[in-house]
PDB file of N, CA and C in Angstrom:
ATOM      1  N   MET A   1     -18.374 -17.188 -34.252  1.00  0.00           N
ATOM      2  CA  MET A   1     -18.330 -15.881 -33.647  1.00  0.00           C
ATOM      3  C   MET A   1     -19.756 -15.341 -33.509  1.00  0.00           C
ATOM      4  N   ARG A   2     -20.087 -14.918 -32.337  1.00  0.00           N
ATOM      5  CA  ARG A   2     -21.346 -14.217 -32.083  1.00  0.00           C
ATOM      6  C   ARG A   2     -21.010 -12.892 -31.428  1.00  0.00           C
ATOM      7  N   ARG A   3     -21.690 -11.850 -31.891  1.00  0.00           N
ATOM      8  CA  ARG A   3     -21.443 -10.523 -31.328  1.00  0.00           C
ATOM      9  C   ARG A   3     -22.784  -9.846 -31.102  1.00  0.00           C
ATOM     10  N   TYR A   4     -22.977  -9.304 -29.897  1.00  0.00           N
ATOM     11  CA  TYR A   4     -24.215  -8.606 -29.589  1.00  0.00           C
ATOM     12  C   TYR A   4     -24.492  -7.543 -30.651  1.00  0.00           C
ATOM     13  N   HIS A   5     -25.761  -7.443 -31.075  1.00  0.00           N
ATOM     14  CA  HIS A   5     -26.144  -6.459 -32.081  1.00  0.00           C
ATOM     15  C   HIS A   5     -27.187  -5.480 -31.562  1.00  0.00           C
ATOM     16  N   HIS A   6     -28.312  -5.981 -31.023  1.00  0.00           N
ATOM     17  CA  HIS A   6     -29.347  -5.105 -30.493  1.00  0.00           C
ATOM     18  C   HIS A   6     -30.337  -5.897 -29.651  1.00  0.00           C
ATOM     19  N   ILE A   7     -31.219  -5.174 -28.982  1.00  0.00           N
ATOM     20  CA  ILE A   7     -32.363  -5.782 -28.318  1.00  0.00           C
ATOM     21  C   ILE A   7     -33.607  -5.262 -29.020  1.00  0.00           C
ATOM     22  N   GLY A   8     -34.552  -6.143 -29.270  1.00  0.00           N
ATOM     23  CA  GLY A   8     -35.805  -5.771 -29.925  1.00  0.00           C
ATOM     24  C   GLY A   8     -36.948  -5.893 -28.934  1.00  0.00           C
ATOM     25  N   ILE A   9     -37.731  -4.836 -28.820  1.00  0.00           N
ATOM     26  CA  ILE A   9     -38.840  -4.829 -27.870  1.00  0.00           C
ATOM     27  C   ILE A   9     -40.143  -4.632 -28.624  1.00  0.00           C
ATOM     28  N   PRO A  10     -41.048  -5.610 -28.520  1.00  0.00           N
ATOM     29  CA  PRO A  10     -42.347  -5.456 -29.170  1.00  0.00           C
ATOM     30  C   PRO A  10     -43.201  -4.449 -28.412  1.00  0.00           C
ATOM     31  N   THR A  11     -44.025  -3.726 -29.145  1.00  0.00           N
ATOM     32  CA  THR A  11     -44.929  -2.749 -28.547  1.00  0.00           C
ATOM     33  C   THR A  11     -46.221  -2.708 -29.355  1.00  0.00           C
ATOM     34  N   THR A  12     -47.263  -2.221 -28.737  1.00  0.00           N
ATOM     35  CA  THR A  12     -48.518  -2.004 -29.463  1.00  0.00           C
ATOM     36  C   THR A  12     -48.769  -0.517 -29.652  1.00  0.00           C
ATOM     37  N   ALA A  13     -47.873   0.314 -29.107  1.00  0.00           N
ATOM     38  CA  ALA A  13     -48.018   1.774 -29.211  1.00  0.00           C
ATOM     39  C   ALA A  13     -47.102   2.322 -30.297  1.00  0.00           C
ATOM     40  N   ALA A  14     -47.608   3.292 -31.059  1.00  0.00           N
ATOM     41  CA  ALA A  14     -46.767   3.964 -32.065  1.00  0.00           C
ATOM     42  C   ALA A  14     -45.635   4.692 -31.350  1.00  0.00           C
ATOM     43  N   LYS A  15     -44.466   4.674 -31.962  1.00  0.00           N
ATOM     44  CA  LYS A  15     -43.275   5.332 -31.403  1.00  0.00           C
ATOM     45  C   LYS A  15     -42.781   6.387 -32.383  1.00  0.00           C
ATOM     46  N   PRO A  16     -42.241   7.500 -31.875  1.00  0.00           N
ATOM     47  CA  PRO A  16     -41.670   8.505 -32.773  1.00  0.00           C
ATOM     48  C   PRO A  16     -40.545   7.901 -33.611  1.00  0.00           C
ATOM     49  N   GLY A  17     -40.502   8.257 -34.883  1.00  0.00           N
ATOM     50  CA  GLY A  17     -39.430   7.802 -35.762  1.00  0.00           C
ATOM     51  C   GLY A  17     -39.655   6.433 -36.375  1.00  0.00           C
ATOM     52  N   GLU A  18     -40.880   5.901 -36.279  1.00  0.00           N
ATOM     53  CA  GLU A  18     -41.163   4.590 -36.860  1.00  0.00           C
ATOM     54  C   GLU A  18     -41.007   4.605 -38.377  1.00  0.00           C
ATOM     55  N   THR A  19     -40.554   3.484 -38.908  1.00  0.00           N
ATOM     56  CA  THR A  19     -40.537   3.231 -40.342  1.00  0.00           C
ATOM     57  C   THR A  19     -41.481   2.057 -40.588  1.00  0.00           C
ATOM     58  N   HIS A  20     -42.297   2.173 -41.624  1.00  0.00           N
ATOM     59  CA  HIS A  20     -43.224   1.087 -41.950  1.00  0.00           C
ATOM     60  C   HIS A  20     -42.589   0.200 -43.009  1.00  0.00           C
ATOM     61  N   LEU A  21     -42.380  -1.054 -42.666  1.00  0.00           N
ATOM     62  CA  LEU A  21     -41.872  -2.044 -43.610  1.00  0.00           C
ATOM     63  C   LEU A  21     -43.086  -2.829 -44.104  1.00  0.00           C
ATOM     64  N   LYS A  22     -43.658  -2.355 -45.203  1.00  0.00           N
ATOM     65  CA  LYS A  22     -44.926  -2.904 -45.703  1.00  0.00           C
ATOM     66  C   LYS A  22     -44.850  -4.398 -45.965  1.00  0.00           C
ATOM     67  N   HIS A  23     -43.750  -4.867 -46.564  1.00  0.00           N
ATOM     68  CA  HIS A  23     -43.642  -6.285 -46.910  1.00  0.00           C
ATOM     69  C   HIS A  23     -43.606  -7.181 -45.671  1.00  0.00           C
ATOM     70  N   LEU A  24     -43.235  -6.635 -44.518  1.00  0.00           N
ATOM     71  CA  LEU A  24     -43.210  -7.408 -43.273  1.00  0.00           C
ATOM     72  C   LEU A  24     -44.398  -7.098 -42.367  1.00  0.00           C
ATOM     73  N   LYS A  25     -45.210  -6.087 -42.772  1.00  0.00           N
ATOM     74  CA  LYS A  25     -46.343  -5.631 -41.960  1.00  0.00           C
ATOM     75  C   LYS A  25     -45.868  -5.257 -40.561  1.00  0.00           C
ATOM     76  N   LEU A  26     -44.818  -4.440 -40.546  1.00  0.00           N
ATOM     77  CA  LEU A  26     -44.116  -4.086 -39.323  1.00  0.00           C
ATOM     78  C   LEU A  26     -43.785  -2.603 -39.321  1.00  0.00           C
ATOM     79  N   PHE A  27     -43.964  -1.983 -38.168  1.00  0.00           N
ATOM     80  CA  PHE A  27     -43.481  -0.630 -37.923  1.00  0.00           C
ATOM     81  C   PHE A  27     -42.284  -0.789 -36.997  1.00  0.00           C
ATOM     82  N   VAL A  28     -41.168  -0.168 -37.330  1.00  0.00           N
ATOM     83  CA  VAL A  28     -39.957  -0.372 -36.545  1.00  0.00           C
ATOM     84  C   VAL A  28     -39.235   0.958 -36.322  1.00  0.00           C
ATOM     85  N   VAL A  29     -38.688   1.097 -35.120  1.00  0.00           N
ATOM     86  CA  VAL A  29     -37.746   2.175 -34.832  1.00  0.00           C
ATOM     87  C   VAL A  29     -36.393   1.483 -34.729  1.00  0.00           C
ATOM     88  N   SER A  30     -35.513   1.783 -35.650  1.00  0.00           N
ATOM     89  CA  SER A  30     -34.231   1.094 -35.758  1.00  0.00           C
ATOM     90  C   SER A  30     -33.389   1.234 -34.495  1.00  0.00           C
ATOM     91  N   HIS A  31     -32.656   0.180 -34.199  1.00  0.00           N
ATOM     92  CA  HIS A  31     -31.696   0.207 -33.092  1.00  0.00           C
ATOM     93  C   HIS A  31     -30.651   1.311 -33.293  1.00  0.00           C
ATOM     94  N   GLU A  32     -30.463   1.729 -34.537  1.00  0.00           N
ATOM     95  CA  GLU A  32     -29.477   2.770 -34.827  1.00  0.00           C
ATOM     96  C   GLU A  32     -29.902   4.136 -34.279  1.00  0.00           C
ATOM     97  N   LYS A  33     -31.192   4.293 -33.971  1.00  0.00           N
ATOM     98  CA  LYS A  33     -31.697   5.556 -33.438  1.00  0.00           C
ATOM     99  C   LYS A  33     -31.621   5.613 -31.918  1.00  0.00           C
ATOM    100  N   SER A  34     -31.144   4.558 -31.300  1.00  0.00           N
ATOM    101  CA  SER A  34     -31.067   4.474 -29.844  1.00  0.00           C
ATOM    102  C   SER A  34     -29.615   4.379 -29.406  1.00  0.00           C
ATOM    103  N   GLU A  35     -29.234   5.170 -28.446  1.00  0.00           N
ATOM    104  CA  GLU A  35     -27.848   5.092 -27.972  1.00  0.00           C
ATOM    105  C   GLU A  35     -27.575   3.768 -27.267  1.00  0.00           C
ATOM    106  N   PHE A  36     -28.646   3.037 -26.888  1.00  0.00           N
ATOM    107  CA  PHE A  36     -28.486   1.757 -26.218  1.00  0.00           C
ATOM    108  C   PHE A  36     -28.790   0.572 -27.132  1.00  0.00           C
ATOM    109  N   GLY A  37     -29.024   0.827 -28.413  1.00  0.00           N
ATOM    110  CA  GLY A  37     -29.272  -0.245 -29.358  1.00  0.00           C
ATOM    111  C   GLY A  37     -30.629  -0.904 -29.199  1.00  0.00           C
ATOM    112  N   VAL A  38     -31.651  -0.128 -28.807  1.00  0.00           N
ATOM    113  CA  VAL A  38     -33.000  -0.673 -28.649  1.00  0.00           C
ATOM    114  C   VAL A  38     -33.776  -0.499 -29.949  1.00  0.00           C
ATOM    115  N   GLU A  39     -34.360  -1.582 -30.425  1.00  0.00           N
ATOM    116  CA  GLU A  39     -35.219  -1.585 -31.598  1.00  0.00           C
ATOM    117  C   GLU A  39     -36.650  -1.778 -31.104  1.00  0.00           C
ATOM    118  N   TRP A  40     -37.566  -0.900 -31.527  1.00  0.00           N
ATOM    119  CA  TRP A  40     -38.981  -1.036 -31.185  1.00  0.00           C
ATOM    120  C   TRP A  40     -39.706  -1.607 -32.383  1.00  0.00           C
ATOM    121  N   MET A  41     -40.594  -2.593 -32.138  1.00  0.00           N
ATOM    122  CA  MET A  41     -41.320  -3.259 -33.217  1.00  0.00           C
ATOM    123  C   MET A  41     -42.812  -3.261 -32.893  1.00  0.00           C
ATOM    124  N   ARG A  42     -43.605  -2.815 -33.877  1.00  0.00           N
ATOM    125  CA  ARG A  42     -45.066  -2.853 -33.753  1.00  0.00           C
ATOM    126  C   ARG A  42     -45.601  -3.549 -34.994  1.00  0.00           C
ATOM    127  N   PHE A  43     -46.332  -4.628 -34.790  1.00  0.00           N
ATOM    128  CA  PHE A  43     -46.783  -5.471 -35.889  1.00  0.00           C
ATOM    129  C   PHE A  43     -48.224  -5.179 -36.275  1.00  0.00           C
ATOM    130  N   GLU A  44     -48.511  -5.249 -37.570  1.00  0.00           N
ATOM    131  CA  GLU A  44     -49.896  -5.208 -38.024  1.00  0.00           C
ATOM    132  C   GLU A  44     -50.568  -6.506 -37.576  1.00  0.00           C
ATOM    133  N   ALA A  45     -51.882  -6.471 -37.404  1.00  0.00           N
ATOM    134  CA  ALA A  45     -52.619  -7.620 -36.875  1.00  0.00           C
ATOM    135  C   ALA A  45     -52.392  -8.887 -37.688  1.00  0.00           C
ATOM    136  N   ASP A  46     -52.257  -8.753 -39.009  1.00  0.00           N
ATOM    137  CA  ASP A  46     -52.118  -9.938 -39.860  1.00  0.00           C
ATOM    138  C   ASP A  46     -50.667 -10.227 -40.275  1.00  0.00           C
ATOM    139  N   ALA A  47     -49.701  -9.651 -39.562  1.00  0.00           N
ATOM    140  CA  ALA A  47     -48.292  -9.942 -39.855  1.00  0.00           C
ATOM    141  C   ALA A  47     -48.009 -11.412 -39.538  1.00  0.00           C
ATOM    142  N   ALA A  48     -47.277 -12.060 -40.415  1.00  0.00           N
ATOM    143  CA  ALA A  48     -46.946 -13.481 -40.254  1.00  0.00           C
ATOM    144  C   ALA A  48     -45.745 -13.629 -39.320  1.00  0.00           C
ATOM    145  N   VAL A  49     -45.984 -13.366 -38.039  1.00  0.00           N
ATOM    146  CA  VAL A  49     -44.920 -13.404 -37.036  1.00  0.00           C
ATOM    147  C   VAL A  49     -45.406 -14.236 -35.849  1.00  0.00           C
ATOM    148  N   PRO A  50     -44.589 -15.137 -35.350  1.00  0.00           N
ATOM    149  CA  PRO A  50     -45.004 -15.945 -34.200  1.00  0.00           C
ATOM    150  C   PRO A  50     -45.311 -15.071 -32.974  1.00  0.00           C
ATOM    151  N   ASP A  51     -46.252 -15.542 -32.155  1.00  0.00           N
ATOM    152  CA  ASP A  51     -46.620 -14.797 -30.950  1.00  0.00           C
ATOM    153  C   ASP A  51     -45.425 -14.535 -30.048  1.00  0.00           C
ATOM    154  N   LEU A  52     -44.478 -15.454 -29.990  1.00  0.00           N
ATOM    155  CA  LEU A  52     -43.306 -15.277 -29.139  1.00  0.00           C
ATOM    156  C   LEU A  52     -42.540 -14.011 -29.522  1.00  0.00           C
ATOM    157  N   VAL A  53     -42.428 -13.718 -30.815  1.00  0.00           N
ATOM    158  CA  VAL A  53     -41.730 -12.511 -31.276  1.00  0.00           C
ATOM    159  C   VAL A  53     -42.598 -11.276 -31.059  1.00  0.00           C
ATOM    160  N   ARG A  54     -43.913 -11.424 -31.197  1.00  0.00           N
ATOM    161  CA  ARG A  54     -44.843 -10.309 -30.968  1.00  0.00           C
ATOM    162  C   ARG A  54     -44.897  -9.869 -29.510  1.00  0.00           C
ATOM    163  N   GLN A  55     -44.632 -10.799 -28.591  1.00  0.00           N
ATOM    164  CA  GLN A  55     -44.900 -10.536 -27.184  1.00  0.00           C
ATOM    165  C   GLN A  55     -43.674 -10.505 -26.282  1.00  0.00           C
ATOM    166  N   VAL A  56     -42.572 -11.093 -26.701  1.00  0.00           N
ATOM    167  CA  VAL A  56     -41.401 -11.218 -25.840  1.00  0.00           C
ATOM    168  C   VAL A  56     -40.214 -10.499 -26.490  1.00  0.00           C
ATOM    169  N   PRO A  57     -39.511  -9.646 -25.742  1.00  0.00           N
ATOM    170  CA  PRO A  57     -38.313  -9.007 -26.307  1.00  0.00           C
ATOM    171  C   PRO A  57     -37.304 -10.061 -26.761  1.00  0.00           C
ATOM    172  N   HIS A  58     -36.541  -9.696 -27.788  1.00  0.00           N
ATOM    173  CA  HIS A  58     -35.496 -10.598 -28.275  1.00  0.00           C
ATOM    174  C   HIS A  58     -34.139  -9.910 -28.215  1.00  0.00           C
ATOM    175  N   VAL A  59     -33.103 -10.712 -28.132  1.00  0.00           N
ATOM    176  CA  VAL A  59     -31.726 -10.235 -28.227  1.00  0.00           C
ATOM    177  C   VAL A  59     -31.210 -10.703 -29.572  1.00  0.00           C
ATOM    178  N   ALA A  60     -30.494  -9.822 -30.271  1.00  0.00           N
ATOM    179  CA  ALA A  60     -29.963 -10.147 -31.594  1.00  0.00           C
ATOM    180  C   ALA A  60     -28.443 -10.189 -31.552  1.00  0.00           C
ATOM    181  N   PHE A  61     -27.903 -11.161 -32.282  1.00  0.00           N
ATOM    182  CA  PHE A  61     -26.461 -11.335 -32.384  1.00  0.00           C
ATOM    183  C   PHE A  61     -26.068 -11.405 -33.845  1.00  0.00           C
ATOM    184  N   GLU A  62     -24.980 -10.741 -34.180  1.00  0.00           N
ATOM    185  CA  GLU A  62     -24.387 -10.883 -35.499  1.00  0.00           C
ATOM    186  C   GLU A  62     -23.564 -12.164 -35.489  1.00  0.00           C
ATOM    187  N   VAL A  63     -23.723 -12.955 -36.549  1.00  0.00           N
ATOM    188  CA  VAL A  63     -22.980 -14.212 -36.664  1.00  0.00           C
ATOM    189  C   VAL A  63     -22.271 -14.246 -38.010  1.00  0.00           C
ATOM    190  N   ALA A  64     -21.200 -15.014 -38.072  1.00  0.00           N
ATOM    191  CA  ALA A  64     -20.425 -15.121 -39.309  1.00  0.00           C
ATOM    192  C   ALA A  64     -21.050 -16.117 -40.281  1.00  0.00           C
ATOM    193  N   ASP A  65     -21.708 -17.164 -39.759  1.00  0.00           N
ATOM    194  CA  ASP A  65     -22.250 -18.231 -40.603  1.00  0.00           C
ATOM    195  C   ASP A  65     -23.614 -18.643 -40.059  1.00  0.00           C
ATOM    196  N   LEU A  66     -24.665 -18.069 -40.618  1.00  0.00           N
ATOM    197  CA  LEU A  66     -26.021 -18.309 -40.129  1.00  0.00           C
ATOM    198  C   LEU A  66     -26.385 -19.790 -40.172  1.00  0.00           C
ATOM    199  N   ALA A  67     -26.069 -20.458 -41.253  1.00  0.00           N
ATOM    200  CA  ALA A  67     -26.428 -21.871 -41.389  1.00  0.00           C
ATOM    201  C   ALA A  67     -25.831 -22.720 -40.265  1.00  0.00           C
ATOM    202  N   SER A  68     -24.573 -22.509 -39.946  1.00  0.00           N
ATOM    203  CA  SER A  68     -23.955 -23.320 -38.891  1.00  0.00           C
ATOM    204  C   SER A  68     -24.527 -22.975 -37.518  1.00  0.00           C
ATOM    205  N   GLU A  69     -24.906 -21.734 -37.303  1.00  0.00           N
ATOM    206  CA  GLU A  69     -25.507 -21.335 -36.022  1.00  0.00           C
ATOM    207  C   GLU A  69     -26.889 -21.943 -35.829  1.00  0.00           C
ATOM    208  N   LEU A  70     -27.584 -22.244 -36.924  1.00  0.00           N
ATOM    209  CA  LEU A  70     -28.935 -22.805 -36.839  1.00  0.00           C
ATOM    210  C   LEU A  70     -28.939 -24.318 -36.639  1.00  0.00           C
ATOM    211  N   ALA A  71     -27.834 -24.960 -36.933  1.00  0.00           N
ATOM    212  CA  ALA A  71     -27.768 -26.420 -36.848  1.00  0.00           C
ATOM    213  C   ALA A  71     -28.129 -26.904 -35.446  1.00  0.00           C
ATOM    214  N   GLY A  72     -29.139 -27.774 -35.380  1.00  0.00           N
ATOM    215  CA  GLY A  72     -29.537 -28.371 -34.116  1.00  0.00           C
ATOM    216  C   GLY A  72     -30.372 -27.486 -33.213  1.00  0.00           C
ATOM    217  N   ARG A  73     -30.759 -26.320 -33.698  1.00  0.00           N
ATOM    218  CA  ARG A  73     -31.534 -25.374 -32.872  1.00  0.00           C
ATOM    219  C   ARG A  73     -33.016 -25.435 -33.226  1.00  0.00           C
ATOM    220  N   GLU A  74     -33.846 -24.965 -32.288  1.00  0.00           N
ATOM    221  CA  GLU A  74     -35.273 -24.815 -32.548  1.00  0.00           C
ATOM    222  C   GLU A  74     -35.465 -23.520 -33.329  1.00  0.00           C
ATOM    223  N   ILE A  75     -35.827 -23.632 -34.595  1.00  0.00           N
ATOM    224  CA  ILE A  75     -35.971 -22.458 -35.457  1.00  0.00           C
ATOM    225  C   ILE A  75     -37.392 -21.923 -35.336  1.00  0.00           C
ATOM    226  N   LEU A  76     -37.492 -20.658 -34.967  1.00  0.00           N
ATOM    227  CA  LEU A  76     -38.775 -19.984 -34.811  1.00  0.00           C
ATOM    228  C   LEU A  76     -39.190 -19.306 -36.115  1.00  0.00           C
ATOM    229  N   ILE A  77     -38.265 -18.576 -36.720  1.00  0.00           N
ATOM    230  CA  ILE A  77     -38.469 -17.942 -38.027  1.00  0.00           C
ATOM    231  C   ILE A  77     -37.305 -18.376 -38.906  1.00  0.00           C
ATOM    232  N   PRO A  78     -37.571 -19.066 -40.004  1.00  0.00           N
ATOM    233  CA  PRO A  78     -36.481 -19.549 -40.855  1.00  0.00           C
ATOM    234  C   PRO A  78     -35.707 -18.406 -41.508  1.00  0.00           C
ATOM    235  N   PRO A  79     -34.520 -18.702 -42.014  1.00  0.00           N
ATOM    236  CA  PRO A  79     -33.697 -17.681 -42.651  1.00  0.00           C
ATOM    237  C   PRO A  79     -34.467 -16.928 -43.732  1.00  0.00           C
ATOM    238  N   ASN A  80     -34.293 -15.616 -43.714  1.00  0.00           N
ATOM    239  CA  ASN A  80     -34.925 -14.738 -44.703  1.00  0.00           C
ATOM    240  C   ASN A  80     -34.073 -13.493 -44.832  1.00  0.00           C
ATOM    241  N   SER A  81     -34.385 -12.689 -45.833  1.00  0.00           N
ATOM    242  CA  SER A  81     -33.617 -11.469 -46.074  1.00  0.00           C
ATOM    243  C   SER A  81     -34.561 -10.263 -46.020  1.00  0.00           C
ATOM    244  N   PRO A  82     -34.632  -9.593 -44.860  1.00  0.00           N
ATOM    245  CA  PRO A  82     -35.519  -8.440 -44.743  1.00  0.00           C
ATOM    246  C   PRO A  82     -35.044  -7.241 -45.562  1.00  0.00           C
ATOM    247  N   SER A  83     -33.739  -7.214 -45.882  1.00  0.00           N
ATOM    248  CA  SER A  83     -33.195  -6.163 -46.750  1.00  0.00           C
ATOM    249  C   SER A  83     -31.949  -6.717 -47.433  1.00  0.00           C
ATOM    250  N   ASP A  84     -31.565  -6.083 -48.530  1.00  0.00           N
ATOM    251  CA  ASP A  84     -30.374  -6.524 -49.259  1.00  0.00           C
ATOM    252  C   ASP A  84     -29.161  -6.502 -48.345  1.00  0.00           C
ATOM    253  N   GLY A  85     -28.369  -7.545 -48.413  1.00  0.00           N
ATOM    254  CA  GLY A  85     -27.105  -7.581 -47.681  1.00  0.00           C
ATOM    255  C   GLY A  85     -27.180  -8.163 -46.284  1.00  0.00           C
ATOM    256  N   VAL A  86     -28.358  -8.635 -45.878  1.00  0.00           N
ATOM    257  CA  VAL A  86     -28.480  -9.228 -44.544  1.00  0.00           C
ATOM    258  C   VAL A  86     -29.441 -10.405 -44.602  1.00  0.00           C
ATOM    259  N   ARG A  87     -29.091 -11.468 -43.869  1.00  0.00           N
ATOM    260  CA  ARG A  87     -29.977 -12.615 -43.692  1.00  0.00           C
ATOM    261  C   ARG A  87     -30.213 -12.774 -42.199  1.00  0.00           C
ATOM    262  N   VAL A  88     -31.443 -13.064 -41.833  1.00  0.00           N
ATOM    263  CA  VAL A  88     -31.778 -13.223 -40.424  1.00  0.00           C
ATOM    264  C   VAL A  88     -32.599 -14.493 -40.210  1.00  0.00           C
ATOM    265  N   ALA A  89     -32.573 -14.965 -38.989  1.00  0.00           N
ATOM    266  CA  ALA A  89     -33.426 -16.069 -38.547  1.00  0.00           C
ATOM    267  C   ALA A  89     -33.620 -15.889 -37.051  1.00  0.00           C
ATOM    268  N   PHE A  90     -34.711 -16.463 -36.545  1.00  0.00           N
ATOM    269  CA  PHE A  90     -34.961 -16.447 -35.110  1.00  0.00           C
ATOM    270  C   PHE A  90     -34.954 -17.881 -34.605  1.00  0.00           C
ATOM    271  N   ILE A  91     -34.342 -18.070 -33.450  1.00  0.00           N
ATOM    272  CA  ILE A  91     -34.352 -19.358 -32.771  1.00  0.00           C
ATOM    273  C   ILE A  91     -34.986 -19.154 -31.400  1.00  0.00           C
ATOM    274  N   VAL A  92     -35.254 -20.270 -30.731  1.00  0.00           N
ATOM    275  CA  VAL A  92     -35.767 -20.217 -29.364  1.00  0.00           C
ATOM    276  C   VAL A  92     -34.673 -20.726 -28.442  1.00  0.00           C
ATOM    277  N   GLU A  93     -34.374 -19.946 -27.432  1.00  0.00           N
ATOM    278  CA  GLU A  93     -33.369 -20.312 -26.438  1.00  0.00           C
ATOM    279  C   GLU A  93     -34.032 -20.234 -25.062  1.00  0.00           C
ATOM    280  N   ASN A  94     -34.296 -21.393 -24.488  1.00  0.00           N
ATOM    281  CA  ASN A  94     -34.893 -21.458 -23.150  1.00  0.00           C
ATOM    282  C   ASN A  94     -36.186 -20.638 -23.057  1.00  0.00           C
ATOM    283  N   GLY A  95     -37.006 -20.710 -24.101  1.00  0.00           N
ATOM    284  CA  GLY A  95     -38.299 -20.030 -24.113  1.00  0.00           C
ATOM    285  C   GLY A  95     -38.285 -18.601 -24.596  1.00  0.00           C
ATOM    286  N   ALA A  96     -37.128 -18.081 -24.971  1.00  0.00           N
ATOM    287  CA  ALA A  96     -37.020 -16.689 -25.432  1.00  0.00           C
ATOM    288  C   ALA A  96     -36.571 -16.642 -26.891  1.00  0.00           C
ATOM    289  N   PRO A  97     -37.062 -15.647 -27.651  1.00  0.00           N
ATOM    290  CA  PRO A  97     -36.611 -15.521 -29.039  1.00  0.00           C
ATOM    291  C   PRO A  97     -35.226 -14.884 -29.110  1.00  0.00           C
ATOM    292  N   ILE A  98     -34.407 -15.421 -29.985  1.00  0.00           N
ATOM    293  CA  ILE A  98     -33.066 -14.895 -30.255  1.00  0.00           C
ATOM    294  C   ILE A  98     -32.977 -14.678 -31.759  1.00  0.00           C
ATOM    295  N   GLU A  99     -32.547 -13.492 -32.164  1.00  0.00           N
ATOM    296  CA  GLU A  99     -32.359 -13.201 -33.587  1.00  0.00           C
ATOM    297  C   GLU A  99     -30.893 -13.362 -33.937  1.00  0.00           C
ATOM    298  N   LEU A 100     -30.638 -14.019 -35.053  1.00  0.00           N
ATOM    299  CA  LEU A 100     -29.282 -14.173 -35.574  1.00  0.00           C
ATOM    300  C   LEU A 100     -29.215 -13.456 -36.910  1.00  0.00           C
ATOM    301  N   LEU A 101     -28.212 -12.597 -37.074  1.00  0.00           N
ATOM    302  CA  LEU A 101     -28.043 -11.825 -38.300  1.00  0.00           C
ATOM    303  C   LEU A 101     -26.705 -12.167 -38.947  1.00  0.00           C
ATOM    304  N   GLU A 102     -26.752 -12.403 -40.235  1.00  0.00           N
ATOM    305  CA  GLU A 102     -25.533 -12.607 -41.018  1.00  0.00           C
ATOM    306  C   GLU A 102     -25.511 -11.518 -42.093  1.00  0.00           C
ATOM    307  N   PHE A 103     -24.485 -10.702 -42.082  1.00  0.00           N
ATOM    308  CA  PHE A 103     -24.368  -9.631 -43.076  1.00  0.00           C
ATOM    309  C   PHE A 103     -23.589 -10.150 -44.267  1.00  0.00           C
ATOM    310  N   THR A 104     -24.275 -10.259 -45.407  1.00  0.00           N
ATOM    311  CA  THR A 104     -23.610 -10.682 -46.632  1.00  0.00           C
ATOM    312  C   THR A 104     -22.944  -9.497 -47.307  1.00  0.00           C
ATOM    313  N   ASP A 105     -23.300  -8.294 -46.877  1.00  0.00           N
ATOM    314  CA  ASP A 105     -22.678  -7.051 -47.336  1.00  0.00           C
ATOM    315  C   ASP A 105     -21.922  -6.459 -46.154  1.00  0.00           C
ATOM    316  N   PRO A 106     -20.585  -6.499 -46.169  1.00  0.00           N
ATOM    317  CA  PRO A 106     -19.811  -6.003 -45.019  1.00  0.00           C
ATOM    318  C   PRO A 106     -20.010  -4.510 -44.756  1.00  0.00           C
ATOM    319  N   ASN A 107     -20.559  -3.780 -45.728  1.00  0.00           N
ATOM    320  CA  ASN A 107     -20.793  -2.351 -45.557  1.00  0.00           C
ATOM    321  C   ASN A 107     -22.271  -2.028 -45.307  1.00  0.00           C
ATOM    322  N   HIS A 108     -23.047  -3.039 -44.969  1.00  0.00           N
ATOM    323  CA  HIS A 108     -24.475  -2.826 -44.712  1.00  0.00           C
ATOM    324  C   HIS A 108     -24.637  -1.768 -43.612  1.00  0.00           C
ATOM    325  N   PRO A 109     -25.546  -0.810 -43.798  1.00  0.00           N
ATOM    326  CA  PRO A 109     -25.682   0.278 -42.815  1.00  0.00           C
ATOM    327  C   PRO A 109     -26.112  -0.185 -41.422  1.00  0.00           C
ATOM    328  N   ALA A 110     -26.744  -1.339 -41.299  1.00  0.00           N
ATOM    329  CA  ALA A 110     -27.174  -1.811 -39.982  1.00  0.00           C
ATOM    330  C   ALA A 110     -26.079  -2.586 -39.249  1.00  0.00           C
ATOM    331  N   ARG A 111     -24.988  -2.841 -39.932  1.00  0.00           N
ATOM    332  CA  ARG A 111     -23.898  -3.596 -39.300  1.00  0.00           C
ATOM    333  C   ARG A 111     -23.193  -2.706 -38.295  1.00  0.00           C
ATOM    334  N   ARG A 112     -23.014  -3.228 -37.098  1.00  0.00           N
ATOM    335  CA  ARG A 112     -22.354  -2.454 -36.054  1.00  0.00           C
ATOM    336  C   ARG A 112     -20.851  -2.474 -36.281  1.00  0.00           C
ATOM    337  N   PRO A 113     -20.180  -1.371 -35.989  1.00  0.00           N
ATOM    338  CA  PRO A 113     -18.713  -1.359 -36.141  1.00  0.00           C
ATOM    339  C   PRO A 113     -18.072  -2.427 -35.250  1.00  0.00           C
ATOM    340  N   SER A 114     -16.948  -2.941 -35.665  1.00  0.00           N
ATOM    341  CA  SER A 114     -16.264  -4.001 -34.924  1.00  0.00           C
ATOM    342  C   SER A 114     -15.945  -3.614 -33.494  1.00  0.00           C
ATOM    343  N   ARG A 115     -15.728  -2.359 -33.249  1.00  0.00           N
ATOM    344  CA  ARG A 115     -15.375  -1.912 -31.898  1.00  0.00           C
ATOM    345  C   ARG A 115     -16.592  -1.829 -30.971  1.00  0.00           C
ATOM    346  N   ALA A 116     -17.808  -1.895 -31.521  1.00  0.00           N
ATOM    347  CA  ALA A 116     -19.013  -1.798 -30.698  1.00  0.00           C
ATOM    348  C   ALA A 116     -19.306  -3.143 -30.060  1.00  0.00           C
ATOM    349  N   ARG A 117     -19.014  -3.246 -28.793  1.00  0.00           N
ATOM    350  CA  ARG A 117     -19.248  -4.492 -28.055  1.00  0.00           C
ATOM    351  C   ARG A 117     -19.941  -4.167 -26.742  1.00  0.00           C
ATOM    352  N   CYS A 118     -20.677  -5.136 -26.261  1.00  0.00           N
ATOM    353  CA  CYS A 118     -21.335  -5.002 -24.950  1.00  0.00           C
ATOM    354  C   CYS A 118     -20.806  -6.043 -24.016  1.00  0.00           C
TER     355      CYS A 118
END
């Protein structure tokens, strides 16, 4: 099962409502603050993030089993846990970054309600 979650757009300009995630060297405006599910990302110069993620928007999908979704794919960013209750990884699909999210906490605040579909 894959379900649309958000679109992430990299930027070099500060945006209103940014949160600084020091451990990731990232400033982010959560998709939850956008009625269209847009996440804005601004990276510190020394953030350990591939150029593809820094420069190209990504589409994110919630998945039920991250490990099985990664099988046989080109992994751009290996599985990691940016916050408790969620695991993420990035793959490359036809030259574009795709984020896959697995919520290990069904009540995680970033999890979209089941009825939210695009």
